[in-house]
Amino acid sequence: MAAHAGTNSLCNDLPPEIAKVSLESNADSTAATFVIGAEDHTLGNAVRYMLAKDPQVAFAAYSVPHPSEPKMNLRVQTRGGVPAQRQLKAALANLVRICDHVELTYDDALANCDATMDNV
């Protein structure tokens, strides 16, 4: 993904030309558009859902400009002076916790199934 002039990379581990997350625009700290590289509807819809559940988020939407472009645009607007970047980080952290829980639940169910099959 090519970096745009004025882009602020939020992921310091990657060079700016392949930044995973960049801040494209923000009128103030409560409204921002993030560009997430190499992602599509799978992450976009999950993050949008987590943001929409947050009472401090007034608006959350994403778009994938074109299938041939490896990026997703995410727009976040918050209420009460809460920074959009903070709410995005919180939504991503909550999504990681949910994924961890699903993985644990699956592993437990699989272990129980294996134990049941061994007793047959």
N, C-alpha and C. Protein backbone atom coordinates (compact mmCIF):
# COMPACT_ATOMS: atom_id res chain seq x y z
N MET A 1 0.85 -1.17 0.00
CA MET A 1 0.00 0.00 0.00
C MET A 1 0.89 1.23 0.00
N ALA A 2 0.68 2.11 -0.90
CA ALA A 2 1.48 3.32 -0.97
C ALA A 2 1.00 4.32 0.07
N ALA A 3 1.93 4.96 0.72
CA ALA A 3 1.58 5.96 1.72
C ALA A 3 1.21 7.25 1.02
N HIS A 4 0.25 7.95 1.57
CA HIS A 4 -0.17 9.23 1.03
C HIS A 4 0.53 10.34 1.79
N ALA A 5 0.71 11.46 1.15
CA ALA A 5 1.33 12.60 1.81
C ALA A 5 0.46 13.00 3.00
N GLY A 6 1.08 13.24 4.11
CA GLY A 6 0.35 13.63 5.31
C GLY A 6 -0.23 12.47 6.09
N THR A 7 0.04 11.26 5.68
CA THR A 7 -0.48 10.09 6.38
C THR A 7 0.33 9.87 7.65
N ASN A 8 -0.36 9.60 8.73
CA ASN A 8 0.26 9.36 10.02
C ASN A 8 0.16 7.88 10.33
N SER A 9 1.26 7.13 10.25
CA SER A 9 1.25 5.70 10.49
C SER A 9 1.07 5.42 11.97
N LEU A 10 0.11 4.55 12.30
CA LEU A 10 -0.15 4.17 13.68
C LEU A 10 0.56 2.87 14.03
N CYS A 11 1.17 2.24 13.05
CA CYS A 11 1.86 0.97 13.26
C CYS A 11 3.34 1.21 12.98
N ASN A 12 4.12 1.47 14.01
CA ASN A 12 5.51 1.87 13.85
C ASN A 12 6.43 0.75 13.39
N ASP A 13 5.96 -0.51 13.44
CA ASP A 13 6.80 -1.64 13.05
C ASP A 13 7.00 -1.74 11.54
N LEU A 14 6.07 -1.20 10.76
CA LEU A 14 6.11 -1.35 9.31
C LEU A 14 6.56 -0.05 8.65
N PRO A 15 7.24 -0.15 7.53
CA PRO A 15 7.58 1.06 6.79
C PRO A 15 6.30 1.76 6.32
N PRO A 16 6.30 3.08 6.18
CA PRO A 16 5.08 3.81 5.80
C PRO A 16 4.46 3.34 4.49
N GLU A 17 5.28 2.85 3.54
CA GLU A 17 4.71 2.44 2.26
C GLU A 17 3.87 1.17 2.36
N ILE A 18 3.99 0.41 3.46
CA ILE A 18 3.14 -0.76 3.66
C ILE A 18 2.49 -0.71 5.04
N ALA A 19 2.18 0.48 5.49
CA ALA A 19 1.58 0.64 6.81
C ALA A 19 0.28 -0.14 6.92
N LYS A 20 0.13 -0.87 8.02
CA LYS A 20 -1.08 -1.65 8.26
C LYS A 20 -2.25 -0.73 8.58
N VAL A 21 -2.03 0.27 9.42
CA VAL A 21 -3.08 1.21 9.78
C VAL A 21 -2.52 2.62 9.65
N SER A 22 -3.24 3.46 8.95
CA SER A 22 -2.83 4.86 8.85
C SER A 22 -4.03 5.76 9.06
N LEU A 23 -3.77 6.93 9.57
CA LEU A 23 -4.79 7.93 9.80
C LEU A 23 -4.81 8.83 8.58
N GLU A 24 -5.89 8.76 7.80
CA GLU A 24 -5.97 9.52 6.55
C GLU A 24 -6.44 10.94 6.80
N SER A 25 -7.46 11.11 7.61
CA SER A 25 -7.97 12.46 7.86
C SER A 25 -8.67 12.50 9.20
N ASN A 26 -8.57 13.65 9.80
CA ASN A 26 -9.34 13.90 11.02
C ASN A 26 -9.50 15.41 11.20
N ALA A 27 -10.75 15.84 11.23
CA ALA A 27 -11.05 17.25 11.44
C ALA A 27 -10.67 17.64 12.86
N ASP A 28 -10.94 16.76 13.77
CA ASP A 28 -10.51 16.89 15.17
C ASP A 28 -10.32 15.48 15.69
N SER A 29 -10.00 15.33 16.95
CA SER A 29 -9.70 13.99 17.47
C SER A 29 -10.94 13.09 17.57
N THR A 30 -12.14 13.67 17.45
CA THR A 30 -13.36 12.87 17.60
C THR A 30 -13.89 12.32 16.28
N ALA A 31 -13.30 12.71 15.16
CA ALA A 31 -13.73 12.22 13.86
C ALA A 31 -12.49 11.87 13.04
N ALA A 32 -12.41 10.63 12.60
CA ALA A 32 -11.21 10.21 11.87
C ALA A 32 -11.55 9.14 10.84
N THR A 33 -10.77 9.13 9.77
CA THR A 33 -10.83 8.07 8.78
C THR A 33 -9.50 7.33 8.82
N PHE A 34 -9.58 6.05 9.06
CA PHE A 34 -8.40 5.19 9.11
C PHE A 34 -8.36 4.34 7.85
N VAL A 35 -7.18 4.09 7.33
CA VAL A 35 -7.01 3.17 6.22
C VAL A 35 -6.24 1.97 6.76
N ILE A 36 -6.83 0.80 6.60
CA ILE A 36 -6.24 -0.44 7.10
C ILE A 36 -5.84 -1.26 5.89
N GLY A 37 -4.54 -1.50 5.78
CA GLY A 37 -4.02 -2.21 4.62
C GLY A 37 -4.20 -3.71 4.71
N ALA A 38 -4.35 -4.34 3.55
CA ALA A 38 -4.44 -5.79 3.40
C ALA A 38 -5.60 -6.40 4.20
N GLU A 39 -6.70 -5.65 4.31
CA GLU A 39 -7.90 -6.16 4.99
C GLU A 39 -9.10 -5.91 4.11
N ASP A 40 -10.19 -6.62 4.42
CA ASP A 40 -11.39 -6.49 3.62
C ASP A 40 -12.62 -6.56 4.51
N HIS A 41 -13.73 -7.05 3.97
CA HIS A 41 -15.01 -7.08 4.69
C HIS A 41 -14.97 -7.93 5.95
N THR A 42 -14.12 -8.93 6.00
CA THR A 42 -14.08 -9.81 7.17
C THR A 42 -13.76 -9.02 8.42
N LEU A 43 -12.68 -8.26 8.39
CA LEU A 43 -12.34 -7.42 9.54
C LEU A 43 -13.23 -6.19 9.60
N GLY A 44 -13.53 -5.60 8.45
CA GLY A 44 -14.31 -4.36 8.42
C GLY A 44 -15.65 -4.48 9.12
N ASN A 45 -16.39 -5.52 8.81
CA ASN A 45 -17.71 -5.68 9.43
C ASN A 45 -17.60 -5.97 10.92
N ALA A 46 -16.62 -6.76 11.31
CA ALA A 46 -16.44 -7.08 12.74
C ALA A 46 -16.07 -5.83 13.54
N VAL A 47 -15.16 -5.02 13.02
CA VAL A 47 -14.75 -3.80 13.73
C VAL A 47 -15.89 -2.79 13.75
N ARG A 48 -16.59 -2.66 12.63
CA ARG A 48 -17.74 -1.74 12.59
C ARG A 48 -18.78 -2.13 13.64
N TYR A 49 -19.04 -3.43 13.76
CA TYR A 49 -20.00 -3.92 14.76
C TYR A 49 -19.55 -3.59 16.17
N MET A 50 -18.27 -3.82 16.47
CA MET A 50 -17.76 -3.54 17.81
C MET A 50 -17.83 -2.05 18.11
N LEU A 51 -17.53 -1.22 17.14
CA LEU A 51 -17.62 0.24 17.33
C LEU A 51 -19.07 0.67 17.52
N ALA A 52 -19.98 0.09 16.74
CA ALA A 52 -21.40 0.47 16.84
C ALA A 52 -22.00 0.12 18.20
N LYS A 53 -21.45 -0.90 18.85
CA LYS A 53 -21.93 -1.27 20.19
C LYS A 53 -21.47 -0.30 21.27
N ASP A 54 -20.45 0.49 20.98
CA ASP A 54 -19.87 1.41 21.95
C ASP A 54 -20.74 2.65 22.07
N PRO A 55 -21.27 2.95 23.27
CA PRO A 55 -22.13 4.13 23.43
C PRO A 55 -21.41 5.46 23.19
N GLN A 56 -20.09 5.46 23.23
CA GLN A 56 -19.34 6.69 22.99
C GLN A 56 -19.06 6.93 21.50
N VAL A 57 -19.45 5.98 20.66
CA VAL A 57 -19.26 6.11 19.21
C VAL A 57 -20.58 6.54 18.59
N ALA A 58 -20.56 7.68 17.90
CA ALA A 58 -21.75 8.21 17.24
C ALA A 58 -21.93 7.60 15.85
N PHE A 59 -20.83 7.28 15.17
CA PHE A 59 -20.89 6.78 13.80
C PHE A 59 -19.70 5.89 13.53
N ALA A 60 -19.95 4.77 12.88
CA ALA A 60 -18.88 3.86 12.46
C ALA A 60 -19.29 3.21 11.15
N ALA A 61 -18.42 3.29 10.16
CA ALA A 61 -18.69 2.68 8.87
C ALA A 61 -17.37 2.31 8.21
N TYR A 62 -17.43 1.35 7.30
CA TYR A 62 -16.22 0.98 6.57
C TYR A 62 -16.58 0.80 5.11
N SER A 63 -15.57 0.87 4.27
CA SER A 63 -15.74 0.58 2.85
C SER A 63 -14.46 -0.03 2.31
N VAL A 64 -14.63 -0.88 1.33
CA VAL A 64 -13.51 -1.43 0.58
C VAL A 64 -13.62 -0.78 -0.79
N PRO A 65 -12.71 0.15 -1.12
CA PRO A 65 -12.85 0.93 -2.35
C PRO A 65 -12.99 0.08 -3.61
N HIS A 66 -12.17 -0.94 -3.75
CA HIS A 66 -12.22 -1.80 -4.93
C HIS A 66 -11.51 -3.10 -4.58
N PRO A 67 -12.02 -4.24 -5.09
CA PRO A 67 -11.38 -5.52 -4.76
C PRO A 67 -9.89 -5.60 -5.12
N SER A 68 -9.47 -4.83 -6.11
CA SER A 68 -8.06 -4.88 -6.51
C SER A 68 -7.17 -4.01 -5.63
N GLU A 69 -7.78 -3.18 -4.78
CA GLU A 69 -7.00 -2.35 -3.85
C GLU A 69 -6.96 -3.04 -2.49
N PRO A 70 -5.78 -3.38 -2.00
CA PRO A 70 -5.69 -4.11 -0.72
C PRO A 70 -5.81 -3.18 0.49
N LYS A 71 -6.98 -2.54 0.61
CA LYS A 71 -7.17 -1.64 1.75
C LYS A 71 -8.65 -1.51 2.09
N MET A 72 -8.87 -1.07 3.31
CA MET A 72 -10.21 -0.83 3.81
C MET A 72 -10.21 0.54 4.48
N ASN A 73 -11.24 1.34 4.21
CA ASN A 73 -11.40 2.64 4.87
C ASN A 73 -12.37 2.48 6.03
N LEU A 74 -12.03 3.05 7.17
CA LEU A 74 -12.88 2.97 8.36
C LEU A 74 -13.09 4.37 8.90
N ARG A 75 -14.34 4.80 8.97
CA ARG A 75 -14.69 6.13 9.48
C ARG A 75 -15.27 5.98 10.87
N VAL A 76 -14.75 6.77 11.82
CA VAL A 76 -15.21 6.72 13.21
C VAL A 76 -15.46 8.13 13.71
N GLN A 77 -16.63 8.37 14.29
CA GLN A 77 -16.94 9.63 14.94
C GLN A 77 -17.45 9.32 16.35
N THR A 78 -16.95 10.06 17.32
CA THR A 78 -17.31 9.79 18.71
C THR A 78 -18.08 10.95 19.32
N ARG A 79 -18.60 10.70 20.51
CA ARG A 79 -19.36 11.70 21.27
C ARG A 79 -18.51 12.21 22.43
N GLY A 80 -18.86 13.39 22.90
CA GLY A 80 -18.32 13.90 24.16
C GLY A 80 -16.82 14.13 24.20
N GLY A 81 -16.21 14.42 23.08
CA GLY A 81 -14.78 14.71 23.07
C GLY A 81 -13.87 13.50 23.20
N VAL A 82 -14.43 12.31 23.11
CA VAL A 82 -13.63 11.08 23.21
C VAL A 82 -12.87 10.90 21.90
N PRO A 83 -11.55 10.67 21.95
CA PRO A 83 -10.78 10.50 20.71
C PRO A 83 -11.19 9.24 19.94
N ALA A 84 -11.36 9.40 18.63
CA ALA A 84 -11.74 8.28 17.77
C ALA A 84 -10.68 7.18 17.80
N GLN A 85 -9.42 7.56 17.84
CA GLN A 85 -8.34 6.57 17.84
C GLN A 85 -8.43 5.68 19.08
N ARG A 86 -8.77 6.26 20.22
CA ARG A 86 -8.89 5.49 21.46
C ARG A 86 -10.02 4.47 21.36
N GLN A 87 -11.15 4.87 20.77
CA GLN A 87 -12.27 3.95 20.65
C GLN A 87 -11.99 2.85 19.63
N LEU A 88 -11.23 3.16 18.58
CA LEU A 88 -10.84 2.12 17.64
C LEU A 88 -9.94 1.09 18.32
N LYS A 89 -8.98 1.57 19.10
CA LYS A 89 -8.10 0.63 19.82
C LYS A 89 -8.90 -0.23 20.79
N ALA A 90 -9.88 0.38 21.47
CA ALA A 90 -10.72 -0.38 22.41
C ALA A 90 -11.56 -1.42 21.67
N ALA A 91 -12.11 -1.05 20.50
CA ALA A 91 -12.91 -1.99 19.72
C ALA A 91 -12.06 -3.16 19.23
N LEU A 92 -10.85 -2.87 18.80
CA LEU A 92 -9.95 -3.94 18.35
C LEU A 92 -9.55 -4.85 19.51
N ALA A 93 -9.30 -4.26 20.68
CA ALA A 93 -8.97 -5.07 21.86
C ALA A 93 -10.14 -5.97 22.25
N ASN A 94 -11.35 -5.43 22.19
CA ASN A 94 -12.54 -6.24 22.50
C ASN A 94 -12.72 -7.36 21.48
N LEU A 95 -12.45 -7.08 20.23
CA LEU A 95 -12.55 -8.10 19.19
C LEU A 95 -11.53 -9.21 19.41
N VAL A 96 -10.33 -8.86 19.83
CA VAL A 96 -9.31 -9.87 20.15
C VAL A 96 -9.77 -10.75 21.31
N ARG A 97 -10.36 -10.12 22.34
CA ARG A 97 -10.86 -10.90 23.48
C ARG A 97 -11.96 -11.87 23.05
N ILE A 98 -12.84 -11.42 22.18
CA ILE A 98 -13.91 -12.30 21.70
C ILE A 98 -13.32 -13.46 20.90
N CYS A 99 -12.36 -13.17 20.04
CA CYS A 99 -11.71 -14.24 19.26
C CYS A 99 -11.00 -15.23 20.17
N ASP A 100 -10.33 -14.73 21.21
CA ASP A 100 -9.67 -15.62 22.17
C ASP A 100 -10.69 -16.52 22.86
N HIS A 101 -11.84 -15.94 23.23
CA HIS A 101 -12.89 -16.72 23.89
C HIS A 101 -13.43 -17.81 22.94
N VAL A 102 -13.67 -17.43 21.70
CA VAL A 102 -14.17 -18.41 20.72
C VAL A 102 -13.16 -19.54 20.54
N GLU A 103 -11.88 -19.19 20.45
CA GLU A 103 -10.84 -20.20 20.29
C GLU A 103 -10.80 -21.14 21.49
N LEU A 104 -10.86 -20.59 22.69
CA LEU A 104 -10.86 -21.40 23.91
C LEU A 104 -12.08 -22.32 23.96
N THR A 105 -13.24 -21.78 23.65
CA THR A 105 -14.47 -22.57 23.67
C THR A 105 -14.40 -23.70 22.65
N TYR A 106 -13.89 -23.40 21.47
CA TYR A 106 -13.73 -24.42 20.44
C TYR A 106 -12.75 -25.51 20.89
N ASP A 107 -11.60 -25.10 21.43
CA ASP A 107 -10.60 -26.07 21.89
C ASP A 107 -11.17 -26.97 22.98
N ASP A 108 -11.94 -26.40 23.91
CA ASP A 108 -12.56 -27.20 24.97
C ASP A 108 -13.57 -28.19 24.40
N ALA A 109 -14.39 -27.73 23.46
CA ALA A 109 -15.38 -28.60 22.85
C ALA A 109 -14.71 -29.72 22.06
N LEU A 110 -13.63 -29.40 21.37
CA LEU A 110 -12.90 -30.40 20.61
C LEU A 110 -12.27 -31.44 21.54
N ALA A 111 -11.71 -30.97 22.66
CA ALA A 111 -11.11 -31.90 23.62
C ALA A 111 -12.18 -32.82 24.22
N ASN A 112 -13.35 -32.26 24.53
CA ASN A 112 -14.45 -33.07 25.05
C ASN A 112 -14.93 -34.08 24.02
N CYS A 113 -14.98 -33.66 22.77
CA CYS A 113 -15.40 -34.57 21.70
C CYS A 113 -14.37 -35.69 21.54
N ASP A 114 -13.10 -35.36 21.57
CA ASP A 114 -12.05 -36.36 21.46
C ASP A 114 -12.12 -37.34 22.62
N ALA A 115 -12.36 -36.83 23.84
CA ALA A 115 -12.47 -37.69 25.01
C ALA A 115 -13.68 -38.62 24.88
N THR A 116 -14.77 -38.11 24.37
CA THR A 116 -15.98 -38.92 24.19
C THR A 116 -15.74 -40.01 23.14
N MET A 117 -15.06 -39.65 22.07
CA MET A 117 -14.78 -40.61 21.00
C MET A 117 -13.81 -41.70 21.49
N ASP A 118 -12.91 -41.36 22.39
CA ASP A 118 -11.98 -42.36 22.93
C ASP A 118 -12.70 -43.38 23.80
N ASN A 119 -13.82 -42.99 24.40
CA ASN A 119 -14.56 -43.87 25.29
C ASN A 119 -15.56 -44.75 24.52
N VAL A 120 -15.68 -44.56 23.24
CA VAL A 120 -16.65 -45.35 22.46
C VAL A 120 -16.06 -46.66 22.04
